[in-house]
Protein backbone atom coordinates (compact mmCIF):
# COMPACT_ATOMS: atom_id res chain seq x y z
CA MET A 1 118.18 55.43 119.59
CA THR A 2 121.09 53.06 119.41
CA ALA A 3 122.73 51.67 116.33
CA ALA A 4 121.19 48.60 114.76
CA SER A 5 122.06 45.28 116.34
CA SER A 6 123.61 42.49 114.31
CA THR A 7 120.22 40.82 113.95
CA PRO A 8 117.59 43.58 114.06
CA SER A 9 113.87 42.99 114.11
CA GLY A 10 112.84 41.62 110.72
CA ALA A 11 115.88 39.38 110.13
CA THR A 12 115.03 35.84 109.19
CA ALA A 13 115.50 33.08 111.70
CA GLY A 14 119.02 31.73 111.66
CA SER A 15 120.29 34.58 109.50
CA ALA A 16 122.76 37.20 110.73
CA THR A 17 122.05 39.37 107.70
CA PRO A 18 119.09 41.74 108.15
CA PRO A 19 116.61 42.07 105.27
CA HIS A 20 117.71 45.52 104.18
CA GLU A 21 121.25 44.28 103.55
CA ARG A 22 119.90 41.58 101.26
CA ALA A 23 117.27 43.74 99.55
CA ARG A 24 117.62 46.16 96.67
CA PRO A 25 115.43 49.15 95.80
CA LEU A 26 112.55 48.63 93.42
CA ALA A 27 113.32 49.67 89.87
CA LYS A 28 112.09 53.15 88.99
CA GLY A 29 108.76 52.84 87.26
CA SER A 30 107.82 49.70 89.17
CA VAL A 31 104.33 49.26 90.59
CA TYR A 32 104.91 49.92 94.27
CA PRO A 33 103.27 47.67 96.88
CA ALA A 34 100.70 50.31 97.95
CA LYS A 35 99.71 50.72 94.28
CA ASP A 36 97.39 53.70 93.76
CA LEU A 37 97.68 54.69 97.43
CA CYS A 38 101.47 55.01 97.29
CA SER A 39 102.68 58.39 98.53
CA GLN A 40 106.10 57.92 96.89
CA CYS A 41 107.81 58.40 100.26
CA GLY A 42 111.01 56.90 98.88
CA LEU A 43 111.32 53.85 101.15
CA CYS A 44 110.87 51.49 98.20
CA ASP A 45 113.65 53.38 96.42
CA SER A 46 116.11 52.26 99.10
CA ARG A 47 117.31 48.90 100.36
CA TRP A 48 114.82 49.34 103.25
CA VAL A 49 112.15 48.24 100.78
CA ALA A 50 112.48 44.91 102.57
CA TYR A 51 110.37 46.36 105.40
CA VAL A 52 107.69 48.00 103.27
CA ARG A 53 104.87 45.62 104.24
CA ARG A 54 105.01 46.76 107.85
CA ALA A 55 106.45 50.24 107.29
CA CYS A 56 104.18 51.70 104.61
CA ALA A 57 101.48 53.94 106.07
CA PHE A 58 99.07 52.72 103.39
CA LEU A 59 99.66 49.01 103.86
CA SER A 60 99.90 48.75 107.63
CA GLN A 61 99.67 51.44 110.26
CA ASN A 62 99.62 51.37 114.02
CA PHE A 63 99.59 54.84 115.50
CA GLU A 64 99.40 53.61 119.09
CA ALA A 65 102.56 51.50 118.81
CA MET A 66 104.43 54.18 116.85
CA GLU A 67 103.58 56.85 119.40
CA ALA A 68 104.46 54.60 122.33
CA THR A 69 107.85 53.76 120.81
CA ALA A 70 108.69 57.33 119.78
CA HIS A 71 107.28 59.22 122.77
CA GLY A 72 106.96 56.70 125.60
CA ARG A 73 103.15 56.61 125.40
CA SER A 74 100.28 56.90 122.95
CA ARG A 75 97.88 59.83 122.84
CA ARG A 76 95.07 60.15 125.38
CA LEU A 77 91.80 59.92 123.48
CA ASP A 78 89.85 61.48 126.35
CA ASP A 79 91.99 64.63 126.14
CA GLU A 80 90.57 66.88 123.40
CA ASP A 81 93.91 68.45 122.55
CA GLU A 82 95.70 65.09 122.29
CA LEU A 83 92.79 63.54 120.39
CA TYR A 84 93.34 66.17 117.70
CA PHE A 85 97.00 67.11 117.90
CA GLY A 86 98.70 63.99 119.27
CA VAL A 87 101.11 63.32 122.14
CA GLN A 88 102.51 66.55 123.51
CA GLN A 89 104.60 68.09 126.25
CA ARG A 90 104.18 71.69 125.08
CA MET A 91 102.21 73.63 122.50
CA LEU A 92 103.02 77.24 121.67
CA SER A 93 102.95 79.73 118.84
CA ALA A 94 106.05 81.52 117.62
CA ARG A 95 107.83 83.48 114.94
CA LEU A 96 111.51 84.14 114.38
CA GLN A 97 112.52 87.57 115.63
CA GLN A 98 114.78 87.88 112.58
CA PRO A 99 113.09 85.98 109.72
CA ILE A 100 115.16 84.15 107.13
CA ALA A 101 115.02 85.89 103.77
CA GLY A 102 113.11 83.84 101.22
CA ALA A 103 111.71 81.40 103.78
CA GLN A 104 108.11 80.34 103.46
CA TRP A 105 107.06 82.03 106.69
CA THR A 106 109.67 83.23 109.16
CA GLY A 107 111.88 80.16 108.64
CA ILE A 108 111.76 78.31 111.96
CA VAL A 109 112.25 74.89 110.33
CA SER A 110 115.28 76.04 108.36
CA ARG A 111 116.80 77.75 111.41
CA ILE A 112 116.48 74.54 113.45
CA GLY A 113 118.26 72.63 110.69
CA VAL A 114 121.05 75.20 110.54
CA ARG A 115 121.52 75.29 114.31
CA ALA A 116 121.50 71.48 114.55
CA LEU A 117 124.52 71.41 112.23
CA GLU A 118 126.29 74.43 113.71
CA THR A 119 126.08 73.06 117.26
CA GLY A 120 127.19 69.56 116.23
CA LEU A 121 123.92 68.02 117.40
CA VAL A 122 123.75 66.16 114.08
CA ASP A 123 126.03 65.31 111.19
CA ALA A 124 123.40 65.82 108.49
CA VAL A 125 119.86 67.06 107.90
CA LEU A 126 117.48 65.18 105.64
CA CYS A 127 115.61 67.93 103.82
CA VAL A 128 114.14 68.62 100.39
CA GLY A 129 115.82 70.77 97.77
CA GLN A 130 114.47 71.49 94.34
CA SER A 131 115.40 70.57 90.80
CA PRO A 132 117.44 73.22 88.96
CA ASP A 133 114.93 72.85 86.15
CA ASP A 134 111.71 73.22 88.14
CA ARG A 135 111.08 74.94 91.49
CA PHE A 136 108.35 72.44 92.44
CA THR A 137 110.17 69.19 91.62
CA PRO A 138 111.50 67.90 94.98
CA VAL A 139 115.07 66.62 95.34
CA PRO A 140 115.75 65.03 98.76
CA VAL A 141 119.23 65.67 100.14
CA LEU A 142 121.36 64.85 103.16
CA ALA A 143 122.51 68.39 103.89
CA ARG A 144 125.93 68.61 105.57
CA THR A 145 126.24 72.42 105.69
CA PRO A 146 124.00 75.31 106.76
CA GLU A 147 124.11 76.58 103.18
CA GLN A 148 122.61 73.32 101.92
CA VAL A 149 119.83 73.53 104.51
CA LEU A 150 119.02 77.12 103.54
CA ALA A 151 118.98 76.17 99.87
CA ALA A 152 116.14 73.75 100.68
CA ARG A 153 113.89 76.35 102.35
CA VAL A 154 110.27 76.63 101.19
CA ASN A 155 107.88 73.67 101.06
CA LYS A 156 107.38 71.75 97.84
CA PRO A 157 103.69 70.76 97.78
CA THR A 158 104.32 67.68 95.66
CA LEU A 159 104.89 64.03 96.57
CA SER A 160 108.54 63.68 97.55
CA PRO A 161 110.67 60.50 97.88
CA ASN A 162 112.51 61.73 101.00
CA LEU A 163 113.44 58.27 102.26
CA GLU A 164 115.32 57.29 99.13
CA VAL A 165 118.35 59.03 100.66
CA LEU A 166 118.48 56.34 103.36
CA GLU A 167 120.36 54.44 100.67
CA GLN A 168 123.25 56.88 101.16
CA LEU A 169 123.64 56.31 104.92
CA PRO A 170 125.82 53.15 104.98
CA GLY A 171 129.45 54.23 104.72
CA SER A 172 128.61 57.94 104.81
CA GLY A 173 130.01 58.61 108.28
CA ILE A 174 126.65 60.05 109.34
CA GLN A 175 125.93 58.88 112.88
CA ARG A 176 123.44 61.53 114.03
CA LEU A 177 120.65 62.61 111.69
CA LEU A 178 117.89 65.21 111.76
CA ALA A 179 115.09 64.10 109.44
CA ILE A 180 112.51 66.63 108.29
CA GLY A 181 109.39 65.16 106.73
CA VAL A 182 105.62 64.76 106.55
CA GLY A 183 103.47 62.12 108.20
CA CYS A 184 103.63 59.23 105.73
CA GLN A 185 107.41 59.59 105.48
CA ILE A 186 107.83 59.71 109.24
CA GLN A 187 105.59 56.67 109.82
CA ALA A 188 107.81 54.65 107.47
CA LEU A 189 110.98 56.08 108.99
CA ARG A 190 109.89 55.15 112.51
CA ALA A 191 109.11 51.62 111.37
CA VAL A 192 112.69 51.06 110.16
CA GLN A 193 114.44 53.29 112.70
CA SER A 194 115.94 50.43 114.70
CA THR A 195 117.65 49.07 111.56
CA LEU A 196 119.31 52.32 110.49
CA PRO A 197 123.08 52.67 110.93
CA LEU A 198 122.65 55.65 113.27
CA GLU A 199 123.50 56.50 116.86
CA GLN A 200 120.81 59.15 117.14
CA LEU A 201 117.79 60.24 115.12
CA TYR A 202 115.86 63.47 115.59
CA VAL A 203 112.60 63.99 113.72
CA LEU A 204 111.21 67.41 112.82
CA GLY A 205 107.72 67.01 111.41
CA LEU A 206 105.60 69.19 109.15
CA PRO A 207 101.79 69.03 109.26
CA CYS A 208 100.64 67.93 105.83
CA VAL A 209 97.50 67.48 103.78
CA ASP A 210 96.64 67.46 100.11
CA ASN A 211 99.88 66.99 98.25
CA VAL A 212 99.72 66.39 94.54
CA SER A 213 101.74 64.98 91.69
CA ARG A 214 103.64 67.54 89.67
CA GLU A 215 100.94 67.33 86.99
CA GLY A 216 98.23 67.78 89.61
CA LEU A 217 100.02 70.81 91.00
CA GLN A 218 100.00 72.42 87.58
CA THR A 219 96.25 71.85 87.32
CA PHE A 220 95.76 73.46 90.72
CA LEU A 221 97.96 76.48 89.96
CA GLU A 222 96.32 77.10 86.61
CA SER A 223 92.89 76.88 88.20
CA ALA A 224 93.58 79.03 91.27
CA SER A 225 96.31 81.59 90.52
CA ARG A 226 96.35 84.62 88.23
CA SER A 227 99.95 83.80 87.26
CA PRO A 228 100.71 80.09 87.74
CA GLU A 229 104.11 80.29 86.03
CA THR A 230 105.48 82.73 88.64
CA VAL A 231 104.23 81.10 91.87
CA VAL A 232 107.12 80.44 94.25
CA HIS A 233 105.06 78.90 97.04
CA TYR A 234 101.57 78.86 98.46
CA GLU A 235 99.71 77.83 101.58
CA PHE A 236 96.13 77.44 102.78
CA MET A 237 96.12 79.86 105.72
CA GLN A 238 94.11 80.60 108.86
CA ASP A 239 92.32 83.54 107.26
CA PHE A 240 90.50 81.04 105.01
CA ARG A 241 92.47 82.20 101.99
CA ILE A 242 95.18 80.62 99.87
CA HIS A 243 98.29 82.80 99.90
CA PHE A 244 100.42 82.67 96.75
CA ARG A 245 103.83 84.31 96.67
CA HIS A 246 105.19 85.18 93.24
CA SER A 247 108.76 85.45 91.98
CA ASP A 248 108.55 89.25 91.87
CA GLY A 249 107.78 89.30 95.61
CA SER A 250 104.09 90.09 95.20
CA GLU A 251 101.42 88.18 97.09
CA GLU A 252 98.07 86.97 95.80
CA THR A 253 95.24 85.63 97.94
CA VAL A 254 92.24 83.55 96.89
CA PRO A 255 89.35 82.58 99.21
CA PHE A 256 89.01 78.86 99.93
CA PHE A 257 85.39 79.12 98.90
CA GLY A 258 86.31 80.41 95.44
CA LEU A 259 88.18 77.32 94.29
CA ASP A 260 86.94 75.45 91.25
CA THR A 261 85.89 72.41 93.29
CA PRO A 262 84.50 70.42 90.32
CA LYS A 263 87.88 70.67 88.59
CA LEU A 264 90.01 70.16 91.68
CA LYS A 265 88.00 67.57 93.60
CA ASP A 266 90.14 64.67 92.40
CA VAL A 267 93.45 66.46 91.80
CA PHE A 268 94.93 65.52 95.18
CA ALA A 269 96.93 62.31 95.50
CA PRO A 270 94.96 59.21 96.62
CA SER A 271 97.51 58.78 99.39
CA CYS A 272 96.55 62.19 100.77
CA LEU A 273 92.85 61.42 100.39
CA SER A 274 93.36 58.35 102.58
CA CYS A 275 95.70 59.86 105.19
CA PHE A 276 94.85 60.64 108.82
CA ASP A 277 98.26 61.86 109.98
CA TYR A 278 97.72 65.57 109.37
CA THR A 279 99.60 66.56 112.54
CA ASN A 280 102.56 64.19 112.09
CA ALA A 281 102.04 61.97 115.12
CA GLY A 282 105.47 60.33 115.03
CA ALA A 283 107.66 63.44 114.98
CA ASP A 284 109.64 64.65 118.00
CA LEU A 285 108.81 68.27 117.19
CA VAL A 286 106.14 69.60 114.82
CA VAL A 287 106.28 73.07 113.25
CA GLY A 288 103.42 74.31 111.10
CA TYR A 289 100.80 77.03 111.20
CA MET A 290 97.44 75.28 111.65
CA GLY A 291 96.99 75.88 115.40
CA ALA A 292 98.39 79.41 115.58
CA SER A 293 96.92 82.84 114.97
CA PHE A 294 97.51 84.33 111.53
CA GLY A 295 101.14 85.32 110.93
CA ARG A 296 102.56 82.93 113.53
CA GLN A 297 103.61 79.28 113.52
CA TRP A 298 102.27 76.48 115.69
CA ILE A 299 104.82 74.34 117.52
CA THR A 300 104.20 71.05 119.31
CA VAL A 301 106.87 69.37 121.43
CA ARG A 302 106.09 65.67 121.72
CA ASN A 303 109.06 64.34 123.72
CA PRO A 304 112.46 65.32 125.19
CA ARG A 305 114.19 65.07 121.78
CA GLY A 306 111.67 67.56 120.48
CA GLN A 307 112.55 69.95 123.30
CA VAL A 308 116.24 69.56 122.42
CA LEU A 309 115.42 70.71 118.88
CA LEU A 310 113.34 73.64 120.12
CA ASP A 311 116.11 74.63 122.55
CA LEU A 312 118.32 75.28 119.51
CA VAL A 313 116.19 78.25 118.45
CA GLU A 314 113.88 79.23 121.32
CA PRO A 315 116.04 82.21 122.37
CA GLU A 316 115.58 83.55 118.82
CA LEU A 317 111.79 83.24 118.87
CA ASP A 318 108.97 85.55 119.77
CA THR A 319 106.74 83.04 121.55
CA ALA A 320 103.17 83.18 122.85
CA PRO A 321 100.63 80.72 124.26
CA VAL A 322 98.28 79.00 121.84
CA THR A 323 94.75 80.41 121.79
CA SER A 324 91.37 79.19 120.57
CA ARG A 325 88.21 81.02 119.52
CA GLY A 326 84.95 80.21 117.77
CA ASP A 327 83.04 77.04 116.98
CA ARG A 328 83.99 75.01 113.92
CA ARG A 329 81.22 72.43 113.86
CA ALA A 330 78.56 74.09 111.71
CA ALA A 331 81.19 75.21 109.18
CA VAL A 332 82.61 71.69 108.96
CA GLN A 333 79.18 70.13 108.35
CA GLN A 334 78.35 72.69 105.66
CA GLY A 335 81.74 72.06 104.06
CA ILE A 336 81.14 68.30 103.94
CA ASP A 337 77.93 68.80 102.00
CA ALA A 338 79.39 71.48 99.68
CA TYR A 339 82.46 69.40 98.85
CA ASP A 340 80.42 66.27 98.21
CA LYS A 341 78.21 68.17 95.78
CA ALA A 342 81.28 69.85 94.21
CA LEU A 343 79.78 73.30 94.55
CA LYS A 344 81.53 76.30 93.01
CA LEU A 345 80.65 79.77 94.26
CA PRO A 346 80.88 82.87 92.08
CA ARG A 347 83.92 84.96 93.02
CA TRP A 348 81.94 87.81 94.61
CA LEU A 349 80.07 85.41 96.86
CA ALA A 350 83.26 83.52 97.73
CA GLU A 351 84.87 86.81 98.77
CA LEU A 352 81.86 87.70 100.92
CA VAL A 353 81.78 84.29 102.61
CA GLY A 354 85.52 84.48 103.20
CA PHE A 355 85.21 87.97 104.70
CA LEU A 356 82.53 86.84 107.14
CA VAL A 357 84.19 83.57 108.14
CA GLN A 358 87.52 85.29 108.71
CA ARG A 359 85.89 87.59 111.26
CA VAL A 360 83.54 85.25 113.09
CA GLY A 361 84.94 81.81 112.24
CA PRO A 362 87.27 79.51 114.19
CA GLN A 363 90.71 80.78 115.06
CA GLY A 364 93.87 79.38 116.70
CA LEU A 365 93.46 75.79 117.88
CA GLU A 366 89.81 75.86 116.84
CA TYR A 367 90.92 76.59 113.27
CA GLY A 368 93.26 73.61 113.55
CA ARG A 369 90.33 71.44 114.63
CA PHE A 370 88.25 72.85 111.78
CA SER A 371 90.92 71.81 109.29
CA ILE A 372 91.38 68.37 110.83
CA ASP A 373 87.63 67.71 110.97
CA SER A 374 87.18 68.84 107.37
CA HIS A 375 89.94 66.59 106.05
CA PHE A 376 89.21 63.55 108.23
CA THR A 377 85.53 63.51 107.24
CA ARG A 378 86.39 63.98 103.58
CA ASN A 379 89.04 61.24 103.68
CA ALA A 380 86.83 58.77 105.55
CA LEU A 381 84.13 59.22 102.92
CA TRP A 382 86.68 58.90 100.09
CA LEU A 383 88.03 55.65 101.55
CA ARG A 384 84.57 54.17 102.06
CA ARG A 385 83.71 54.92 98.46
CA HIS A 386 86.97 53.93 96.75
CA HIS A 387 88.45 51.29 99.09
CA PRO A 388 85.57 49.93 101.18
CA GLU A 389 87.47 46.71 101.84
CA MET A 390 90.13 48.55 103.87
CA ALA A 391 88.31 51.64 105.11
CA GLU A 392 87.51 50.69 108.69
CA ARG A 393 90.86 49.08 109.52
CA HIS A 394 92.70 52.00 107.92
CA ILE A 395 90.95 54.77 109.86
CA PRO A 396 92.71 55.05 113.26
CA ALA A 397 90.74 55.21 116.51
CA PHE A 398 91.33 58.92 117.08
CA ALA A 399 90.11 59.75 113.56
CA ARG A 400 87.00 57.58 113.97
CA ARG A 401 86.06 59.49 117.12
CA ILE A 402 86.30 62.77 115.20
CA VAL A 403 84.47 61.56 112.09
CA GLU A 404 81.59 60.14 114.15
CA ARG A 405 80.73 63.68 115.30
CA TYR A 406 79.44 64.54 111.82
CA ARG A 407 76.79 63.43 109.37
CA LEU A 408 78.43 62.01 106.26
CA PRO A 409 76.72 61.36 102.91
CA SER A 410 76.18 57.74 101.94
CA PRO A 411 79.31 56.02 100.57
């Protein structure tokens, strides 16, 4: 992208001063425009709050226009892979040949950030560190050194105001930026991209569902883990188990089907319960795990900038084609009904179900579709029940096509 023009889109007629130069962040503690649906992405905590009405994913979203602007075209809805996973040039699975110590998986995201700085591709990397007082309290940073990028490794599964650091860009000397973020953050970032004082922006996206507030995270950890105070990170993985890593290096796994659904049903943030950007449609490159076999990461290149980012690390990767096995549909329909009724299985039965599903259930891309179907149907139902006035205009066309394949309970 090019630097902002003197009168970027959004400036008032007859004014040479764009809105973000006249605006000021909302005061901390304010009621943000999206109200209960706010994902706390941080845009309102910067002077770019002036664009929030068209930038916020929960006030106004237009996936087709965002994809066309970012990638040169929108996704093809008649292509099953693009319907689910978005615009793409390549999909592959990978792992670092030499994993980064302490990284959540092998550390592909962190290695890309490090290489982007070392090669001079960018001047800074927008990533998320942690509070010195709490490992799960996110602290967004504009990392200028590889050491700062590595210090931010490991996901923080809590709402994070990443875009508040846009406030630091003017006068910083940063001309080329790599932004790492989740879907709601990237939708807002794309909406204001043309007004940023940057020569080039690269976007590395993370697939994302079911973030929580810090209080909600504590409820989840106390409900699911044997030692919530020592959890370093966790992830819902392709073997249908939640993997917790503890500070002593030990790992704990819990079957999805053993969660205390009645207690946890409403612990996730309303923004996440109304989101349909699981696969981060606006990112140049997406790195996650949802479409890969267990132990590997799933990578989607959406455009040439995404390939530039992947080129930084591809020689260091063990790569393989994506694969797909199984049929998700019956499991998704059963999950819809079980979640709606807030069923809780006894631990022995949850272990048995998990054992069977792991061996005969969906794997690879089919697991990714299972996860997308499960969350899209749940979120569509949640929206229709809690925000019926906005539900249909908020659910994008690709999500509607997916949701219509299933039988949902009455709103």
